[in-house]
Amino acid sequence: MPGITPLFPCNVECVSSTKYGERPTVIVFEEKRLPVAEVIKQWRSPEGTYFQVVTDNNLAFELAYQDGSDQWICKLI
């Protein structure tokens, strides 16, 4: 479908104090490490924790850490 960015598995470095994946700090995208400049929004669902973030180079992503599969998925937004 045109205009829809697909979800894809990705590597995310994050801050984890009391539980894993509390705050994303780096996204690995197209073999490049992209530091997260700002977390715009965060929410929970039954599947896991979601974040909207902006990287240092102004790319915007929606990230999801899926608890059941122990995997991060990403989408450019």
PDB file of N, CA and C in Angstrom:
ATOM      1  N   MET A   1       0.840  -1.177   0.000  1.00  0.00           N
ATOM      2  CA  MET A   1       0.000   0.000   0.000  1.00  0.00           C
ATOM      3  C   MET A   1       0.891   1.248   0.000  1.00  0.00           C
ATOM      4  N   PRO A   2       0.734   2.161  -0.937  1.00  0.00           N
ATOM      5  CA  PRO A   2       1.568   3.362  -0.979  1.00  0.00           C
ATOM      6  C   PRO A   2       1.368   4.232   0.262  1.00  0.00           C
ATOM      7  N   GLY A   3       2.455   4.844   0.698  1.00  0.00           N
ATOM      8  CA  GLY A   3       2.373   5.779   1.807  1.00  0.00           C
ATOM      9  C   GLY A   3       2.463   5.154   3.184  1.00  0.00           C
ATOM     10  N   ILE A   4       2.471   3.825   3.277  1.00  0.00           N
ATOM     11  CA  ILE A   4       2.556   3.167   4.580  1.00  0.00           C
ATOM     12  C   ILE A   4       3.956   2.605   4.749  1.00  0.00           C
ATOM     13  N   THR A   5       4.611   3.003   5.831  1.00  0.00           N
ATOM     14  CA  THR A   5       5.947   2.507   6.117  1.00  0.00           C
ATOM     15  C   THR A   5       5.821   1.208   6.903  1.00  0.00           C
ATOM     16  N   PRO A   6       6.468   0.138   6.412  1.00  0.00           N
ATOM     17  CA  PRO A   6       6.345  -1.138   7.113  1.00  0.00           C
ATOM     18  C   PRO A   6       7.142  -1.173   8.415  1.00  0.00           C
ATOM     19  N   LEU A   7       6.727  -2.047   9.304  1.00  0.00           N
ATOM     20  CA  LEU A   7       7.477  -2.319  10.525  1.00  0.00           C
ATOM     21  C   LEU A   7       8.630  -3.261  10.180  1.00  0.00           C
ATOM     22  N   PHE A   8       9.739  -3.107  10.872  1.00  0.00           N
ATOM     23  CA  PHE A   8      10.870  -3.997  10.635  1.00  0.00           C
ATOM     24  C   PHE A   8      11.599  -4.236  11.951  1.00  0.00           C
ATOM     25  N   PRO A   9      12.203  -5.429  12.104  1.00  0.00           N
ATOM     26  CA  PRO A   9      12.991  -5.686  13.305  1.00  0.00           C
ATOM     27  C   PRO A   9      14.180  -4.733  13.339  1.00  0.00           C
ATOM     28  N   CYS A  10      14.567  -4.288  14.519  1.00  0.00           N
ATOM     29  CA  CYS A  10      15.702  -3.382  14.628  1.00  0.00           C
ATOM     30  C   CYS A  10      16.425  -3.608  15.948  1.00  0.00           C
ATOM     31  N   ASN A  11      17.625  -3.085  16.027  1.00  0.00           N
ATOM     32  CA  ASN A  11      18.395  -3.127  17.264  1.00  0.00           C
ATOM     33  C   ASN A  11      18.277  -1.779  17.948  1.00  0.00           C
ATOM     34  N   VAL A  12      17.978  -1.818  19.235  1.00  0.00           N
ATOM     35  CA  VAL A  12      17.820  -0.602  20.025  1.00  0.00           C
ATOM     36  C   VAL A  12      18.632  -0.754  21.299  1.00  0.00           C
ATOM     37  N   GLU A  13      19.423   0.265  21.601  1.00  0.00           N
ATOM     38  CA  GLU A  13      20.095   0.330  22.893  1.00  0.00           C
ATOM     39  C   GLU A  13      19.206   1.162  23.795  1.00  0.00           C
ATOM     40  N   CYS A  14      19.122   0.768  25.068  1.00  0.00           N
ATOM     41  CA  CYS A  14      18.192   1.468  25.934  1.00  0.00           C
ATOM     42  C   CYS A  14      18.688   1.519  27.372  1.00  0.00           C
ATOM     43  N   VAL A  15      18.069   2.421  28.122  1.00  0.00           N
ATOM     44  CA  VAL A  15      18.276   2.511  29.561  1.00  0.00           C
ATOM     45  C   VAL A  15      17.309   1.514  30.194  1.00  0.00           C
ATOM     46  N   SER A  16      17.819   0.728  31.121  1.00  0.00           N
ATOM     47  CA  SER A  16      16.991  -0.254  31.821  1.00  0.00           C
ATOM     48  C   SER A  16      17.400  -0.273  33.282  1.00  0.00           C
ATOM     49  N   SER A  17      16.512   0.199  34.153  1.00  0.00           N
ATOM     50  CA  SER A  17      16.849   0.154  35.576  1.00  0.00           C
ATOM     51  C   SER A  17      16.011  -0.911  36.283  1.00  0.00           C
ATOM     52  N   THR A  18      14.716  -0.720  36.391  1.00  0.00           N
ATOM     53  CA  THR A  18      13.895  -1.718  37.068  1.00  0.00           C
ATOM     54  C   THR A  18      13.311  -2.745  36.098  1.00  0.00           C
ATOM     55  N   LYS A  19      13.231  -2.408  34.801  1.00  0.00           N
ATOM     56  CA  LYS A  19      12.787  -3.369  33.789  1.00  0.00           C
ATOM     57  C   LYS A  19      13.441  -3.024  32.463  1.00  0.00           C
ATOM     58  N   TYR A  20      13.527  -4.012  31.577  1.00  0.00           N
ATOM     59  CA  TYR A  20      14.201  -3.824  30.299  1.00  0.00           C
ATOM     60  C   TYR A  20      13.416  -2.870  29.403  1.00  0.00           C
ATOM     61  N   GLY A  21      14.150  -2.044  28.673  1.00  0.00           N
ATOM     62  CA  GLY A  21      13.539  -1.198  27.656  1.00  0.00           C
ATOM     63  C   GLY A  21      12.805   0.014  28.180  1.00  0.00           C
ATOM     64  N   GLU A  22      13.316   0.621  29.246  1.00  0.00           N
ATOM     65  CA  GLU A  22      12.615   1.776  29.822  1.00  0.00           C
ATOM     66  C   GLU A  22      12.711   3.034  28.966  1.00  0.00           C
ATOM     67  N   ARG A  23      13.860   3.230  28.305  1.00  0.00           N
ATOM     68  CA  ARG A  23      14.030   4.428  27.471  1.00  0.00           C
ATOM     69  C   ARG A  23      15.053   4.150  26.382  1.00  0.00           C
ATOM     70  N   PRO A  24      14.660   4.237  25.100  1.00  0.00           N
ATOM     71  CA  PRO A  24      15.613   4.003  24.013  1.00  0.00           C
ATOM     72  C   PRO A  24      16.643   5.134  23.940  1.00  0.00           C
ATOM     73  N   THR A  25      17.907   4.777  23.699  1.00  0.00           N
ATOM     74  CA  THR A  25      18.970   5.776  23.595  1.00  0.00           C
ATOM     75  C   THR A  25      19.650   5.778  22.222  1.00  0.00           C
ATOM     76  N   VAL A  26      19.665   4.625  21.546  1.00  0.00           N
ATOM     77  CA  VAL A  26      20.285   4.510  20.223  1.00  0.00           C
ATOM     78  C   VAL A  26      19.473   3.524  19.392  1.00  0.00           C
ATOM     79  N   ILE A  27      19.263   3.868  18.106  1.00  0.00           N
ATOM     80  CA  ILE A  27      18.633   2.961  17.146  1.00  0.00           C
ATOM     81  C   ILE A  27      19.703   2.610  16.119  1.00  0.00           C
ATOM     82  N   VAL A  28      19.814   1.335  15.778  1.00  0.00           N
ATOM     83  CA  VAL A  28      20.708   0.932  14.689  1.00  0.00           C
ATOM     84  C   VAL A  28      19.832   0.782  13.454  1.00  0.00           C
ATOM     85  N   PHE A  29      20.047   1.664  12.480  1.00  0.00           N
ATOM     86  CA  PHE A  29      19.226   1.720  11.266  1.00  0.00           C
ATOM     87  C   PHE A  29      20.147   1.794  10.061  1.00  0.00           C
ATOM     88  N   GLU A  30      19.963   0.861   9.121  1.00  0.00           N
ATOM     89  CA  GLU A  30      20.809   0.786   7.924  1.00  0.00           C
ATOM     90  C   GLU A  30      22.290   0.791   8.306  1.00  0.00           C
ATOM     91  N   GLU A  31      22.622  -0.018   9.326  1.00  0.00           N
ATOM     92  CA  GLU A  31      23.989  -0.213   9.807  1.00  0.00           C
ATOM     93  C   GLU A  31      24.619   1.041  10.406  1.00  0.00           C
ATOM     94  N   LYS A  32      23.805   2.016  10.776  1.00  0.00           N
ATOM     95  CA  LYS A  32      24.293   3.237  11.416  1.00  0.00           C
ATOM     96  C   LYS A  32      23.680   3.363  12.804  1.00  0.00           C
ATOM     97  N   ARG A  33      24.492   3.810  13.759  1.00  0.00           N
ATOM     98  CA  ARG A  33      24.009   4.071  15.121  1.00  0.00           C
ATOM     99  C   ARG A  33      23.444   5.484  15.160  1.00  0.00           C
ATOM    100  N   LEU A  34      22.171   5.598  15.474  1.00  0.00           N
ATOM    101  CA  LEU A  34      21.498   6.894  15.518  1.00  0.00           C
ATOM    102  C   LEU A  34      21.099   7.202  16.960  1.00  0.00           C
ATOM    103  N   PRO A  35      21.789   8.129  17.619  1.00  0.00           N
ATOM    104  CA  PRO A  35      21.396   8.496  18.984  1.00  0.00           C
ATOM    105  C   PRO A  35      19.996   9.115  19.010  1.00  0.00           C
ATOM    106  N   VAL A  36      19.230   8.752  20.022  1.00  0.00           N
ATOM    107  CA  VAL A  36      17.889   9.314  20.208  1.00  0.00           C
ATOM    108  C   VAL A  36      18.040  10.673  20.879  1.00  0.00           C
ATOM    109  N   ALA A  37      17.564  11.720  20.209  1.00  0.00           N
ATOM    110  CA  ALA A  37      17.639  13.079  20.751  1.00  0.00           C
ATOM    111  C   ALA A  37      16.488  13.352  21.709  1.00  0.00           C
ATOM    112  N   GLU A  38      15.293  12.785  21.386  1.00  0.00           N
ATOM    113  CA  GLU A  38      14.117  13.086  22.202  1.00  0.00           C
ATOM    114  C   GLU A  38      13.096  11.956  22.103  1.00  0.00           C
ATOM    115  N   VAL A  39      12.517  11.612  23.234  1.00  0.00           N
ATOM    116  CA  VAL A  39      11.361  10.711  23.263  1.00  0.00           C
ATOM    117  C   VAL A  39      10.135  11.613  23.277  1.00  0.00           C
ATOM    118  N   ILE A  40       9.358  11.560  22.215  1.00  0.00           N
ATOM    119  CA  ILE A  40       8.188  12.422  22.057  1.00  0.00           C
ATOM    120  C   ILE A  40       6.996  11.876  22.840  1.00  0.00           C
ATOM    121  N   LYS A  41       6.829  10.556  22.775  1.00  0.00           N
ATOM    122  CA  LYS A  41       5.657   9.932  23.372  1.00  0.00           C
ATOM    123  C   LYS A  41       6.011   8.504  23.768  1.00  0.00           C
ATOM    124  N   GLN A  42       5.369   8.016  24.832  1.00  0.00           N
ATOM    125  CA  GLN A  42       5.558   6.639  25.271  1.00  0.00           C
ATOM    126  C   GLN A  42       4.217   6.102  25.740  1.00  0.00           C
ATOM    127  N   TRP A  43       3.909   4.841  25.407  1.00  0.00           N
ATOM    128  CA  TRP A  43       2.669   4.227  25.859  1.00  0.00           C
ATOM    129  C   TRP A  43       2.833   2.711  25.933  1.00  0.00           C
ATOM    130  N   ARG A  44       1.930   2.073  26.656  1.00  0.00           N
ATOM    131  CA  ARG A  44       1.933   0.622  26.818  1.00  0.00           C
ATOM    132  C   ARG A  44       0.707   0.042  26.133  1.00  0.00           C
ATOM    133  N   SER A  45       0.859  -1.190  25.684  1.00  0.00           N
ATOM    134  CA  SER A  45      -0.257  -1.974  25.177  1.00  0.00           C
ATOM    135  C   SER A  45      -0.073  -3.389  25.715  1.00  0.00           C
ATOM    136  N   PRO A  46      -1.027  -4.267  25.494  1.00  0.00           N
ATOM    137  CA  PRO A  46      -0.833  -5.651  25.950  1.00  0.00           C
ATOM    138  C   PRO A  46       0.383  -6.324  25.302  1.00  0.00           C
ATOM    139  N   GLU A  47       0.795  -5.867  24.120  1.00  0.00           N
ATOM    140  CA  GLU A  47       1.930  -6.472  23.423  1.00  0.00           C
ATOM    141  C   GLU A  47       3.280  -5.963  23.929  1.00  0.00           C
ATOM    142  N   GLY A  48       3.327  -4.740  24.463  1.00  0.00           N
ATOM    143  CA  GLY A  48       4.615  -4.209  24.905  1.00  0.00           C
ATOM    144  C   GLY A  48       4.595  -2.706  25.098  1.00  0.00           C
ATOM    145  N   THR A  49       5.790  -2.112  25.026  1.00  0.00           N
ATOM    146  CA  THR A  49       5.972  -0.678  25.244  1.00  0.00           C
ATOM    147  C   THR A  49       6.318  -0.015  23.921  1.00  0.00           C
ATOM    148  N   TYR A  50       5.697   1.123  23.662  1.00  0.00           N
ATOM    149  CA  TYR A  50       5.882   1.859  22.405  1.00  0.00           C
ATOM    150  C   TYR A  50       6.472   3.234  22.690  1.00  0.00           C
ATOM    151  N   PHE A  51       7.241   3.726  21.713  1.00  0.00           N
ATOM    152  CA  PHE A  51       7.862   5.044  21.816  1.00  0.00           C
ATOM    153  C   PHE A  51       7.797   5.731  20.460  1.00  0.00           C
ATOM    154  N   GLN A  52       7.572   7.042  20.465  1.00  0.00           N
ATOM    155  CA  GLN A  52       7.830   7.869  19.293  1.00  0.00           C
ATOM    156  C   GLN A  52       9.060   8.684  19.648  1.00  0.00           C
ATOM    157  N   VAL A  53      10.081   8.605  18.773  1.00  0.00           N
ATOM    158  CA  VAL A  53      11.351   9.273  19.058  1.00  0.00           C
ATOM    159  C   VAL A  53      11.836  10.036  17.839  1.00  0.00           C
ATOM    160  N   VAL A  54      12.750  10.966  18.109  1.00  0.00           N
ATOM    161  CA  VAL A  54      13.452  11.694  17.054  1.00  0.00           C
ATOM    162  C   VAL A  54      14.939  11.501  17.319  1.00  0.00           C
ATOM    163  N   THR A  55      15.682  11.193  16.260  1.00  0.00           N
ATOM    164  CA  THR A  55      17.117  10.986  16.394  1.00  0.00           C
ATOM    165  C   THR A  55      17.878  12.306  16.215  1.00  0.00           C
ATOM    166  N   ASP A  56      19.170  12.266  16.513  1.00  0.00           N
ATOM    167  CA  ASP A  56      20.014  13.456  16.361  1.00  0.00           C
ATOM    168  C   ASP A  56      19.997  14.029  14.950  1.00  0.00           C
ATOM    169  N   ASN A  57      19.784  13.164  13.944  1.00  0.00           N
ATOM    170  CA  ASN A  57      19.754  13.655  12.558  1.00  0.00           C
ATOM    171  C   ASN A  57      18.324  13.882  12.061  1.00  0.00           C
ATOM    172  N   ASN A  58      17.384  14.065  13.004  1.00  0.00           N
ATOM    173  CA  ASN A  58      15.988  14.440  12.720  1.00  0.00           C
ATOM    174  C   ASN A  58      15.155  13.385  12.003  1.00  0.00           C
ATOM    175  N   LEU A  59      15.506  12.108  12.142  1.00  0.00           N
ATOM    176  CA  LEU A  59      14.621  11.051  11.661  1.00  0.00           C
ATOM    177  C   LEU A  59      13.652  10.713  12.793  1.00  0.00           C
ATOM    178  N   ALA A  60      12.398  10.496  12.442  1.00  0.00           N
ATOM    179  CA  ALA A  60      11.388  10.141  13.442  1.00  0.00           C
ATOM    180  C   ALA A  60      11.026   8.665  13.289  1.00  0.00           C
ATOM    181  N   PHE A  61      10.964   7.974  14.422  1.00  0.00           N
ATOM    182  CA  PHE A  61      10.658   6.551  14.443  1.00  0.00           C
ATOM    183  C   PHE A  61       9.562   6.267  15.458  1.00  0.00           C
ATOM    184  N   GLU A  62       8.796   5.212  15.166  1.00  0.00           N
ATOM    185  CA  GLU A  62       7.967   4.593  16.188  1.00  0.00           C
ATOM    186  C   GLU A  62       8.659   3.278  16.520  1.00  0.00           C
ATOM    187  N   LEU A  63       8.948   3.075  17.790  1.00  0.00           N
ATOM    188  CA  LEU A  63       9.629   1.869  18.263  1.00  0.00           C
ATOM    189  C   LEU A  63       8.680   1.088  19.151  1.00  0.00           C
ATOM    190  N   ALA A  64       8.795  -0.212  19.120  1.00  0.00           N
ATOM    191  CA  ALA A  64       8.001  -1.048  20.013  1.00  0.00           C
ATOM    192  C   ALA A  64       8.873  -2.169  20.539  1.00  0.00           C
ATOM    193  N   TYR A  65       8.885  -2.322  21.861  1.00  0.00           N
ATOM    194  CA  TYR A  65       9.532  -3.481  22.449  1.00  0.00           C
ATOM    195  C   TYR A  65       8.432  -4.475  22.766  1.00  0.00           C
ATOM    196  N   GLN A  66       8.456  -5.616  22.075  1.00  0.00           N
ATOM    197  CA  GLN A  66       7.432  -6.637  22.246  1.00  0.00           C
ATOM    198  C   GLN A  66       7.877  -7.606  23.331  1.00  0.00           C
ATOM    199  N   ASP A  67       7.182  -7.569  24.459  1.00  0.00           N
ATOM    200  CA  ASP A  67       7.542  -8.396  25.605  1.00  0.00           C
ATOM    201  C   ASP A  67       7.547  -9.888  25.274  1.00  0.00           C
ATOM    202  N   GLY A  68       6.529 -10.363  24.590  1.00  0.00           N
ATOM    203  CA  GLY A  68       6.386 -11.796  24.319  1.00  0.00           C
ATOM    204  C   GLY A  68       7.499 -12.379  23.468  1.00  0.00           C
ATOM    205  N   SER A  69       7.927 -11.625  22.456  1.00  0.00           N
ATOM    206  CA  SER A  69       8.981 -12.119  21.558  1.00  0.00           C
ATOM    207  C   SER A  69      10.355 -11.581  21.931  1.00  0.00           C
ATOM    208  N   ASP A  70      10.420 -10.697  22.919  1.00  0.00           N
ATOM    209  CA  ASP A  70      11.690 -10.087  23.351  1.00  0.00           C
ATOM    210  C   ASP A  70      12.410  -9.466  22.152  1.00  0.00           C
ATOM    211  N   GLN A  71      11.672  -8.667  21.387  1.00  0.00           N
ATOM    212  CA  GLN A  71      12.205  -8.080  20.152  1.00  0.00           C
ATOM    213  C   GLN A  71      11.735  -6.646  19.988  1.00  0.00           C
ATOM    214  N   TRP A  72      12.625  -5.813  19.455  1.00  0.00           N
ATOM    215  CA  TRP A  72      12.267  -4.445  19.081  1.00  0.00           C
ATOM    216  C   TRP A  72      11.822  -4.452  17.624  1.00  0.00           C
ATOM    217  N   ILE A  73      10.769  -3.692  17.334  1.00  0.00           N
ATOM    218  CA  ILE A  73      10.378  -3.429  15.954  1.00  0.00           C
ATOM    219  C   ILE A  73      10.311  -1.917  15.774  1.00  0.00           C
ATOM    220  N   CYS A  74      10.559  -1.469  14.542  1.00  0.00           N
ATOM    221  CA  CYS A  74      10.648  -0.041  14.246  1.00  0.00           C
ATOM    222  C   CYS A  74       9.850   0.303  13.006  1.00  0.00           C
ATOM    223  N   LYS A  75       9.536   1.590  12.921  1.00  0.00           N
ATOM    224  CA  LYS A  75       8.873   2.129  11.735  1.00  0.00           C
ATOM    225  C   LYS A  75       9.297   3.583  11.606  1.00  0.00           C
ATOM    226  N   LEU A  76       9.741   3.977  10.419  1.00  0.00           N
ATOM    227  CA  LEU A  76       9.988   5.391  10.148  1.00  0.00           C
ATOM    228  C   LEU A  76       8.664   6.111  10.085  1.00  0.00           C
ATOM    229  N   ILE A  77       8.579   7.282  10.709  1.00  0.00           N
ATOM    230  CA  ILE A  77       7.326   8.046  10.639  1.00  0.00           C
ATOM    231  C   ILE A  77       7.600   9.451  10.152  1.00  0.00           C
TER     232      ILE A  77
END
